[in-house]
Every structure is written in structure tokens, then in C-alpha cells.
């Protein structure tokens, strides 16, 4: 595990997977990630932005990483069912 995780050079989902995939999500409630700003905006909502090299492409790739990591098994099954013919 790298501490802090440094995503300042990450561009693709694979980059975010490689860098952030080293973080143990079980039992940890605090994470230090260089290059990422997170602000709580509501009880269950957050605003996420990059501290440098911000672009729509990077944000989309980070969003894809988060979807892959935090998607629950039931929501994965549901999304597969909606894609099936």
C-alpha cells in the first residue's frame, strides 16, 4: 500500500485501478489521496474534483473506477440484466 496514494498522473481507468486498488477499503474510514479533493455536500453526497490537471476525461475515468469498485453484487446483476437482449 502506498501512502498517500498519488493520482496526479492517472489518466485512464486502468491507472486509477492500479493506484487506488492498493488501498484496503475494509475497516478504513480515512484515506489520503494526493491530487484529489473531496467535500461533503449533503448527508450522503460528496463533491469530487482534482487538485491539478482537471479534465472531463479524467473525471469520467475516475467515475468508472469508482463504479467498478463500489458497485454492489445486486446492482451489477441488475445492470447485466438491463443490457441483456
PDB file of N, CA and C in Angstrom:
ATOM      1  N   UNK A   1       0.849  -1.177   0.000  1.00  0.00           N
ATOM      2  CA  UNK A   1       0.000   0.000   0.000  1.00  0.00           C
ATOM      3  C   UNK A   1       0.893   1.238   0.000  1.00  0.00           C
ATOM      4  N   UNK A   2       0.605   2.138  -0.913  1.00  0.00           N
ATOM      5  CA  UNK A   2       1.307   3.415  -0.956  1.00  0.00           C
ATOM      6  C   UNK A   2       0.529   4.430  -0.134  1.00  0.00           C
ATOM      7  N   UNK A   3       1.235   5.218   0.647  1.00  0.00           N
ATOM      8  CA  UNK A   3       0.554   6.215   1.449  1.00  0.00           C
ATOM      9  C   UNK A   3       1.339   7.517   1.393  1.00  0.00           C
ATOM     10  N   UNK A   4       0.759   8.601   0.953  1.00  0.00           N
ATOM     11  CA  UNK A   4      -0.588   8.651   0.384  1.00  0.00           C
ATOM     12  C   UNK A   4      -0.601   8.141  -1.051  1.00  0.00           C
ATOM     13  N   UNK A   5      -1.768   7.687  -1.486  1.00  0.00           N
ATOM     14  CA  UNK A   5      -1.927   7.320  -2.888  1.00  0.00           C
ATOM     15  C   UNK A   5      -1.815   8.600  -3.705  1.00  0.00           C
ATOM     16  N   UNK A   6      -1.117   8.543  -4.822  1.00  0.00           N
ATOM     17  CA  UNK A   6      -0.901   9.731  -5.649  1.00  0.00           C
ATOM     18  C   UNK A   6      -1.519   9.511  -7.023  1.00  0.00           C
ATOM     19  N   UNK A   7      -2.652  10.183  -7.281  1.00  0.00           N
ATOM     20  CA  UNK A   7      -3.342  10.014  -8.566  1.00  0.00           C
ATOM     21  C   UNK A   7      -3.073  11.182  -9.518  1.00  0.00           C
ATOM     22  N   UNK A   8      -2.095  12.012  -9.194  1.00  0.00           N
ATOM     23  CA  UNK A   8      -1.856  13.211 -10.001  1.00  0.00           C
ATOM     24  C   UNK A   8      -1.483  12.890 -11.441  1.00  0.00           C
ATOM     25  N   UNK A   9      -0.950  11.697 -11.705  1.00  0.00           N
ATOM     26  CA  UNK A   9      -0.584  11.339 -13.081  1.00  0.00           C
ATOM     27  C   UNK A   9      -1.560  10.356 -13.713  1.00  0.00           C
ATOM     28  N   UNK A  10      -2.594   9.939 -12.985  1.00  0.00           N
ATOM     29  CA  UNK A  10      -3.560   8.972 -13.508  1.00  0.00           C
ATOM     30  C   UNK A  10      -4.455   9.620 -14.560  1.00  0.00           C
ATOM     31  N   UNK A  11      -4.655   8.900 -15.668  1.00  0.00           N
ATOM     32  CA  UNK A  11      -5.489   9.416 -16.751  1.00  0.00           C
ATOM     33  C   UNK A  11      -6.592   8.427 -17.119  1.00  0.00           C
ATOM     34  N   UNK A  12      -6.277   7.137 -17.107  1.00  0.00           N
ATOM     35  CA  UNK A  12      -7.235   6.118 -17.535  1.00  0.00           C
ATOM     36  C   UNK A  12      -7.814   5.382 -16.335  1.00  0.00           C
ATOM     37  N   UNK A  13      -8.896   4.654 -16.574  1.00  0.00           N
ATOM     38  CA  UNK A  13      -9.476   3.829 -15.517  1.00  0.00           C
ATOM     39  C   UNK A  13      -8.441   2.830 -15.007  1.00  0.00           C
ATOM     40  N   UNK A  14      -7.645   2.274 -15.908  1.00  0.00           N
ATOM     41  CA  UNK A  14      -6.595   1.325 -15.510  1.00  0.00           C
ATOM     42  C   UNK A  14      -5.582   1.992 -14.577  1.00  0.00           C
ATOM     43  N   UNK A  15      -5.243   3.252 -14.851  1.00  0.00           N
ATOM     44  CA  UNK A  15      -4.335   3.989 -13.966  1.00  0.00           C
ATOM     45  C   UNK A  15      -4.934   4.118 -12.570  1.00  0.00           C
ATOM     46  N   UNK A  16      -6.210   4.529 -12.511  1.00  0.00           N
ATOM     47  CA  UNK A  16      -6.872   4.681 -11.213  1.00  0.00           C
ATOM     48  C   UNK A  16      -6.992   3.328 -10.512  1.00  0.00           C
ATOM     49  N   UNK A  17      -7.297   2.270 -11.265  1.00  0.00           N
ATOM     50  CA  UNK A  17      -7.383   0.926 -10.687  1.00  0.00           C
ATOM     51  C   UNK A  17      -6.043   0.524 -10.073  1.00  0.00           C
ATOM     52  N   UNK A  18      -4.960   0.757 -10.798  1.00  0.00           N
ATOM     53  CA  UNK A  18      -3.632   0.361 -10.332  1.00  0.00           C
ATOM     54  C   UNK A  18      -3.235   1.132  -9.076  1.00  0.00           C
ATOM     55  N   UNK A  19      -3.463   2.433  -9.071  1.00  0.00           N
ATOM     56  CA  UNK A  19      -3.039   3.270  -7.944  1.00  0.00           C
ATOM     57  C   UNK A  19      -3.968   3.120  -6.739  1.00  0.00           C
ATOM     58  N   UNK A  20      -5.259   3.244  -6.973  1.00  0.00           N
ATOM     59  CA  UNK A  20      -6.208   3.199  -5.861  1.00  0.00           C
ATOM     60  C   UNK A  20      -6.531   1.772  -5.437  1.00  0.00           C
ATOM     61  N   UNK A  21      -6.251   0.801  -6.299  1.00  0.00           N
ATOM     62  CA  UNK A  21      -6.506  -0.595  -5.974  1.00  0.00           C
ATOM     63  C   UNK A  21      -5.623  -1.113  -4.845  1.00  0.00           C
ATOM     64  N   UNK A  22      -4.584  -0.387  -4.520  1.00  0.00           N
ATOM     65  CA  UNK A  22      -3.692  -0.775  -3.424  1.00  0.00           C
ATOM     66  C   UNK A  22      -4.266  -0.416  -2.065  1.00  0.00           C
ATOM     67  N   UNK A  23      -5.330   0.390  -2.045  1.00  0.00           N
ATOM     68  CA  UNK A  23      -5.933   0.838  -0.790  1.00  0.00           C
ATOM     69  C   UNK A  23      -6.896  -0.230  -0.269  1.00  0.00           C
ATOM     70  N   UNK A  24      -6.786  -0.565   1.004  1.00  0.00           N
ATOM     71  CA  UNK A  24      -7.670  -1.527   1.632  1.00  0.00           C
ATOM     72  C   UNK A  24      -8.938  -0.795   2.077  1.00  0.00           C
ATOM     73  N   UNK A  25     -10.066  -1.129   1.456  1.00  0.00           N
ATOM     74  CA  UNK A  25     -11.317  -0.435   1.762  1.00  0.00           C
ATOM     75  C   UNK A  25     -12.031  -1.012   2.976  1.00  0.00           C
ATOM     76  N   UNK A  26     -11.642  -2.167   3.417  1.00  0.00           N
ATOM     77  CA  UNK A  26     -12.299  -2.808   4.556  1.00  0.00           C
ATOM     78  C   UNK A  26     -11.708  -2.281   5.864  1.00  0.00           C
ATOM     79  N   UNK A  27     -12.577  -1.714   6.690  1.00  0.00           N
ATOM     80  CA  UNK A  27     -12.155  -1.264   8.004  1.00  0.00           C
ATOM     81  C   UNK A  27     -11.526   0.112   8.047  1.00  0.00           C
ATOM     82  N   UNK A  28     -11.261   0.702   6.907  1.00  0.00           N
ATOM     83  CA  UNK A  28     -10.675   2.039   6.886  1.00  0.00           C
ATOM     84  C   UNK A  28     -11.754   3.077   6.600  1.00  0.00           C
ATOM     85  N   UNK A  29     -11.734   4.162   7.356  1.00  0.00           N
ATOM     86  CA  UNK A  29     -12.701   5.233   7.104  1.00  0.00           C
ATOM     87  C   UNK A  29     -12.022   6.509   6.640  1.00  0.00           C
ATOM     88  N   UNK A  30     -10.697   6.546   6.685  1.00  0.00           N
ATOM     89  CA  UNK A  30      -9.951   7.723   6.262  1.00  0.00           C
ATOM     90  C   UNK A  30      -8.923   7.336   5.212  1.00  0.00           C
ATOM     91  N   UNK A  31      -8.868   8.105   4.149  1.00  0.00           N
ATOM     92  CA  UNK A  31      -7.927   7.858   3.063  1.00  0.00           C
ATOM     93  C   UNK A  31      -7.247   9.169   2.709  1.00  0.00           C
ATOM     94  N   UNK A  32      -5.976   9.097   2.409  1.00  0.00           N
ATOM     95  CA  UNK A  32      -5.239  10.266   1.959  1.00  0.00           C
ATOM     96  C   UNK A  32      -4.839  10.010   0.514  1.00  0.00           C
ATOM     97  N   UNK A  33      -5.406  10.806  -0.400  1.00  0.00           N
ATOM     98  CA  UNK A  33      -5.150  10.624  -1.824  1.00  0.00           C
ATOM     99  C   UNK A  33      -4.653  11.947  -2.388  1.00  0.00           C
ATOM    100  N   UNK A  34      -3.413  11.940  -2.802  1.00  0.00           N
ATOM    101  CA  UNK A  34      -2.800  13.148  -3.364  1.00  0.00           C
ATOM    102  C   UNK A  34      -3.380  13.412  -4.754  1.00  0.00           C
ATOM    103  N   UNK A  35      -3.816  14.645  -4.970  1.00  0.00           N
ATOM    104  CA  UNK A  35      -4.367  15.038  -6.261  1.00  0.00           C
ATOM    105  C   UNK A  35      -5.884  15.029  -6.320  1.00  0.00           C
ATOM    106  N   UNK A  36      -6.542  14.688  -5.194  1.00  0.00           N
ATOM    107  CA  UNK A  36      -7.997  14.594  -5.176  1.00  0.00           C
ATOM    108  C   UNK A  36      -8.556  15.431  -4.034  1.00  0.00           C
ATOM    109  N   UNK A  37      -9.583  16.218  -4.340  1.00  0.00           N
ATOM    110  CA  UNK A  37     -10.296  17.000  -3.333  1.00  0.00           C
ATOM    111  C   UNK A  37     -11.692  16.424  -3.178  1.00  0.00           C
ATOM    112  N   UNK A  38     -12.081  16.140  -1.945  1.00  0.00           N
ATOM    113  CA  UNK A  38     -13.412  15.596  -1.670  1.00  0.00           C
ATOM    114  C   UNK A  38     -14.055  16.455  -0.598  1.00  0.00           C
ATOM    115  N   UNK A  39     -15.264  16.938  -0.890  1.00  0.00           N
ATOM    116  CA  UNK A  39     -16.004  17.774   0.045  1.00  0.00           C
ATOM    117  C   UNK A  39     -17.394  17.194   0.230  1.00  0.00           C
ATOM    118  N   UNK A  40     -17.795  17.020   1.482  1.00  0.00           N
ATOM    119  CA  UNK A  40     -19.144  16.537   1.762  1.00  0.00           C
ATOM    120  C   UNK A  40     -20.133  17.662   1.495  1.00  0.00           C
ATOM    121  N   UNK A  41     -21.132  17.398   0.650  1.00  0.00           N
ATOM    122  CA  UNK A  41     -22.102  18.433   0.283  1.00  0.00           C
ATOM    123  C   UNK A  41     -23.475  18.201   0.901  1.00  0.00           C
ATOM    124  N   UNK A  42     -23.738  16.979   1.347  1.00  0.00           N
ATOM    125  CA  UNK A  42     -25.013  16.615   1.946  1.00  0.00           C
ATOM    126  C   UNK A  42     -24.770  15.392   2.823  1.00  0.00           C
ATOM    127  N   UNK A  43     -25.812  14.902   3.470  1.00  0.00           N
ATOM    128  CA  UNK A  43     -25.636  13.739   4.344  1.00  0.00           C
ATOM    129  C   UNK A  43     -25.026  12.545   3.614  1.00  0.00           C
ATOM    130  N   UNK A  44     -25.398  12.360   2.356  1.00  0.00           N
ATOM    131  CA  UNK A  44     -24.888  11.207   1.606  1.00  0.00           C
ATOM    132  C   UNK A  44     -24.368  11.601   0.221  1.00  0.00           C
ATOM    133  N   UNK A  45     -23.893  12.826   0.080  1.00  0.00           N
ATOM    134  CA  UNK A  45     -23.374  13.301  -1.210  1.00  0.00           C
ATOM    135  C   UNK A  45     -22.035  14.008  -1.011  1.00  0.00           C
ATOM    136  N   UNK A  46     -21.192  13.852  -2.018  1.00  0.00           N
ATOM    137  CA  UNK A  46     -19.859  14.444  -1.976  1.00  0.00           C
ATOM    138  C   UNK A  46     -19.537  15.098  -3.308  1.00  0.00           C
ATOM    139  N   UNK A  47     -18.728  16.135  -3.261  1.00  0.00           N
ATOM    140  CA  UNK A  47     -18.208  16.781  -4.464  1.00  0.00           C
ATOM    141  C   UNK A  47     -16.755  16.335  -4.609  1.00  0.00           C
ATOM    142  N   UNK A  48     -16.404  15.824  -5.789  1.00  0.00           N
ATOM    143  CA  UNK A  48     -15.055  15.325  -6.040  1.00  0.00           C
ATOM    144  C   UNK A  48     -14.442  16.128  -7.176  1.00  0.00           C
ATOM    145  N   UNK A  49     -13.213  16.598  -6.968  1.00  0.00           N
ATOM    146  CA  UNK A  49     -12.501  17.328  -8.012  1.00  0.00           C
ATOM    147  C   UNK A  49     -11.014  17.018  -7.907  1.00  0.00           C
ATOM    148  N   UNK A  50     -10.302  17.284  -8.978  1.00  0.00           N
ATOM    149  CA  UNK A  50      -8.860  17.089  -8.983  1.00  0.00           C
ATOM    150  C   UNK A  50      -8.187  18.382  -8.550  1.00  0.00           C
ATOM    151  N   UNK A  51      -7.082  18.257  -7.833  1.00  0.00           N
ATOM    152  CA  UNK A  51      -6.362  19.449  -7.406  1.00  0.00           C
ATOM    153  C   UNK A  51      -5.483  19.997  -8.520  1.00  0.00           C
ATOM    154  N   UNK A  52      -5.220  19.182  -9.533  1.00  0.00           N
ATOM    155  CA  UNK A  52      -4.433  19.635 -10.681  1.00  0.00           C
ATOM    156  C   UNK A  52      -4.792  18.776 -11.886  1.00  0.00           C
ATOM    157  N   UNK A  53      -4.473  19.272 -13.056  1.00  0.00           N
ATOM    158  CA  UNK A  53      -4.736  18.581 -14.324  1.00  0.00           C
ATOM    159  C   UNK A  53      -6.167  18.045 -14.373  1.00  0.00           C
ATOM    160  N   UNK A  54      -7.112  18.928 -14.210  1.00  0.00           N
ATOM    161  CA  UNK A  54      -8.506  18.539 -14.231  1.00  0.00           C
ATOM    162  C   UNK A  54      -9.039  18.549 -15.657  1.00  0.00           C
ATOM    163  N   UNK A  55      -9.736  17.484 -16.009  1.00  0.00           N
ATOM    164  CA  UNK A  55     -10.377  17.412 -17.321  1.00  0.00           C
ATOM    165  C   UNK A  55     -11.596  16.506 -17.209  1.00  0.00           C
ATOM    166  N   UNK A  56     -12.511  16.679 -18.134  1.00  0.00           N
ATOM    167  CA  UNK A  56     -13.712  15.841 -18.149  1.00  0.00           C
ATOM    168  C   UNK A  56     -13.334  14.377 -18.347  1.00  0.00           C
ATOM    169  N   UNK A  57     -12.318  14.120 -19.181  1.00  0.00           N
ATOM    170  CA  UNK A  57     -11.902  12.737 -19.440  1.00  0.00           C
ATOM    171  C   UNK A  57     -11.392  12.073 -18.162  1.00  0.00           C
ATOM    172  N   UNK A  58     -10.544  12.752 -17.414  1.00  0.00           N
ATOM    173  CA  UNK A  58     -10.013  12.185 -16.167  1.00  0.00           C
ATOM    174  C   UNK A  58     -11.132  11.932 -15.170  1.00  0.00           C
ATOM    175  N   UNK A  59     -12.071  12.870 -15.071  1.00  0.00           N
ATOM    176  CA  UNK A  59     -13.187  12.709 -14.143  1.00  0.00           C
ATOM    177  C   UNK A  59     -14.054  11.515 -14.539  1.00  0.00           C
ATOM    178  N   UNK A  60     -14.293  11.342 -15.839  1.00  0.00           N
ATOM    179  CA  UNK A  60     -15.070  10.185 -16.314  1.00  0.00           C
ATOM    180  C   UNK A  60     -14.350   8.878 -15.999  1.00  0.00           C
ATOM    181  N   UNK A  61     -13.028   8.853 -16.163  1.00  0.00           N
ATOM    182  CA  UNK A  61     -12.257   7.645 -15.878  1.00  0.00           C
ATOM    183  C   UNK A  61     -12.260   7.330 -14.384  1.00  0.00           C
ATOM    184  N   UNK A  62     -12.158   8.359 -13.542  1.00  0.00           N
ATOM    185  CA  UNK A  62     -12.228   8.156 -12.097  1.00  0.00           C
ATOM    186  C   UNK A  62     -13.625   7.655 -11.712  1.00  0.00           C
ATOM    187  N   UNK A  63     -14.654   8.228 -12.312  1.00  0.00           N
ATOM    188  CA  UNK A  63     -16.025   7.784 -12.041  1.00  0.00           C
ATOM    189  C   UNK A  63     -16.191   6.314 -12.408  1.00  0.00           C
ATOM    190  N   UNK A  64     -15.621   5.896 -13.524  1.00  0.00           N
ATOM    191  CA  UNK A  64     -15.693   4.495 -13.938  1.00  0.00           C
ATOM    192  C   UNK A  64     -14.987   3.605 -12.913  1.00  0.00           C
ATOM    193  N   UNK A  65     -13.838   4.053 -12.422  1.00  0.00           N
ATOM    194  CA  UNK A  65     -13.133   3.297 -11.377  1.00  0.00           C
ATOM    195  C   UNK A  65     -14.025   3.139 -10.146  1.00  0.00           C
ATOM    196  N   UNK A  66     -14.624   4.244  -9.684  1.00  0.00           N
ATOM    197  CA  UNK A  66     -15.480   4.187  -8.504  1.00  0.00           C
ATOM    198  C   UNK A  66     -16.677   3.271  -8.730  1.00  0.00           C
ATOM    199  N   UNK A  67     -17.276   3.317  -9.905  1.00  0.00           N
ATOM    200  CA  UNK A  67     -18.409   2.431 -10.213  1.00  0.00           C
ATOM    201  C   UNK A  67     -17.985   0.978 -10.119  1.00  0.00           C
ATOM    202  N   UNK A  68     -16.821   0.657 -10.659  1.00  0.00           N
ATOM    203  CA  UNK A  68     -16.334  -0.724 -10.621  1.00  0.00           C
ATOM    204  C   UNK A  68     -16.037  -1.185  -9.198  1.00  0.00           C
ATOM    205  N   UNK A  69     -15.507  -0.302  -8.383  1.00  0.00           N
ATOM    206  CA  UNK A  69     -15.118  -0.665  -7.016  1.00  0.00           C
ATOM    207  C   UNK A  69     -16.318  -0.757  -6.084  1.00  0.00           C
ATOM    208  N   UNK A  70     -17.229   0.196  -6.199  1.00  0.00           N
ATOM    209  CA  UNK A  70     -18.313   0.290  -5.225  1.00  0.00           C
ATOM    210  C   UNK A  70     -19.638  -0.290  -5.695  1.00  0.00           C
ATOM    211  N   UNK A  71     -19.671  -0.859  -6.872  1.00  0.00           N
ATOM    212  CA  UNK A  71     -20.906  -1.459  -7.366  1.00  0.00           C
ATOM    213  C   UNK A  71     -21.182  -2.716  -6.552  1.00  0.00           C
ATOM    214  N   UNK A  72     -22.384  -2.809  -5.998  1.00  0.00           N
ATOM    215  CA  UNK A  72     -22.750  -3.978  -5.202  1.00  0.00           C
ATOM    216  C   UNK A  72     -23.083  -5.137  -6.130  1.00  0.00           C
ATOM    217  N   UNK A  73     -22.961  -6.363  -5.651  1.00  0.00           N
ATOM    218  CA  UNK A  73     -23.282  -7.514  -6.497  1.00  0.00           C
ATOM    219  C   UNK A  73     -24.697  -7.459  -7.066  1.00  0.00           C
ATOM    220  N   UNK A  74     -25.680  -6.992  -6.282  1.00  0.00           N
ATOM    221  CA  UNK A  74     -27.047  -6.932  -6.787  1.00  0.00           C
ATOM    222  C   UNK A  74     -27.191  -5.870  -7.869  1.00  0.00           C
ATOM    223  N   UNK A  75     -26.497  -4.735  -7.740  1.00  0.00           N
ATOM    224  CA  UNK A  75     -26.592  -3.720  -8.782  1.00  0.00           C
ATOM    225  C   UNK A  75     -25.827  -4.162 -10.027  1.00  0.00           C
ATOM    226  N   UNK A  76     -24.767  -4.958  -9.867  1.00  0.00           N
ATOM    227  CA  UNK A  76     -24.043  -5.496 -11.026  1.00  0.00           C
ATOM    228  C   UNK A  76     -24.944  -6.436 -11.789  1.00  0.00           C
ATOM    229  N   UNK A  77     -25.676  -7.291 -11.065  1.00  0.00           N
ATOM    230  CA  UNK A  77     -26.587  -8.221 -11.699  1.00  0.00           C
ATOM    231  C   UNK A  77     -27.700  -7.469 -12.413  1.00  0.00           C
ATOM    232  N   UNK A  78     -28.245  -6.442 -11.778  1.00  0.00           N
ATOM    233  CA  UNK A  78     -29.297  -5.644 -12.379  1.00  0.00           C
ATOM    234  C   UNK A  78     -28.807  -4.976 -13.654  1.00  0.00           C
ATOM    235  N   UNK A  79     -27.589  -4.410 -13.645  1.00  0.00           N
ATOM    236  CA  UNK A  79     -27.094  -3.735 -14.830  1.00  0.00           C
ATOM    237  C   UNK A  79     -26.840  -4.736 -15.948  1.00  0.00           C
ATOM    238  N   UNK A  80     -26.458  -5.977 -15.632  1.00  0.00           N
ATOM    239  CA  UNK A  80     -26.286  -7.015 -16.647  1.00  0.00           C
ATOM    240  C   UNK A  80     -27.619  -7.404 -17.244  1.00  0.00           C
ATOM    241  N   UNK A  81     -28.651  -7.491 -16.394  1.00  0.00           N
ATOM    242  CA  UNK A  81     -29.988  -7.868 -16.869  1.00  0.00           C
ATOM    243  C   UNK A  81     -30.557  -6.817 -17.802  1.00  0.00           C
ATOM    244  N   UNK A  82     -30.295  -5.543 -17.519  1.00  0.00           N
ATOM    245  CA  UNK A  82     -30.831  -4.495 -18.374  1.00  0.00           C
ATOM    246  C   UNK A  82     -30.100  -4.427 -19.702  1.00  0.00           C
ATOM    247  N   UNK A  83     -28.872  -4.977 -19.785  1.00  0.00           N
ATOM    248  CA  UNK A  83     -28.120  -4.984 -21.032  1.00  0.00           C
ATOM    249  C   UNK A  83     -28.422  -6.224 -21.868  1.00  0.00           C
ATOM    250  N   UNK A  84     -28.994  -7.250 -21.251  1.00  0.00           N
ATOM    251  CA  UNK A  84     -29.285  -8.478 -21.990  1.00  0.00           C
ATOM    252  C   UNK A  84     -30.440  -8.266 -22.946  1.00  0.00           C
ATOM    253  N   UNK A  85     -30.364  -8.906 -24.148  1.00  0.00           N
ATOM    254  CA  UNK A  85     -31.468  -8.736 -25.121  1.00  0.00           C
ATOM    255  C   UNK A  85     -32.729  -9.413 -24.713  1.00  0.00           C
TER     256      UNK A  85
END
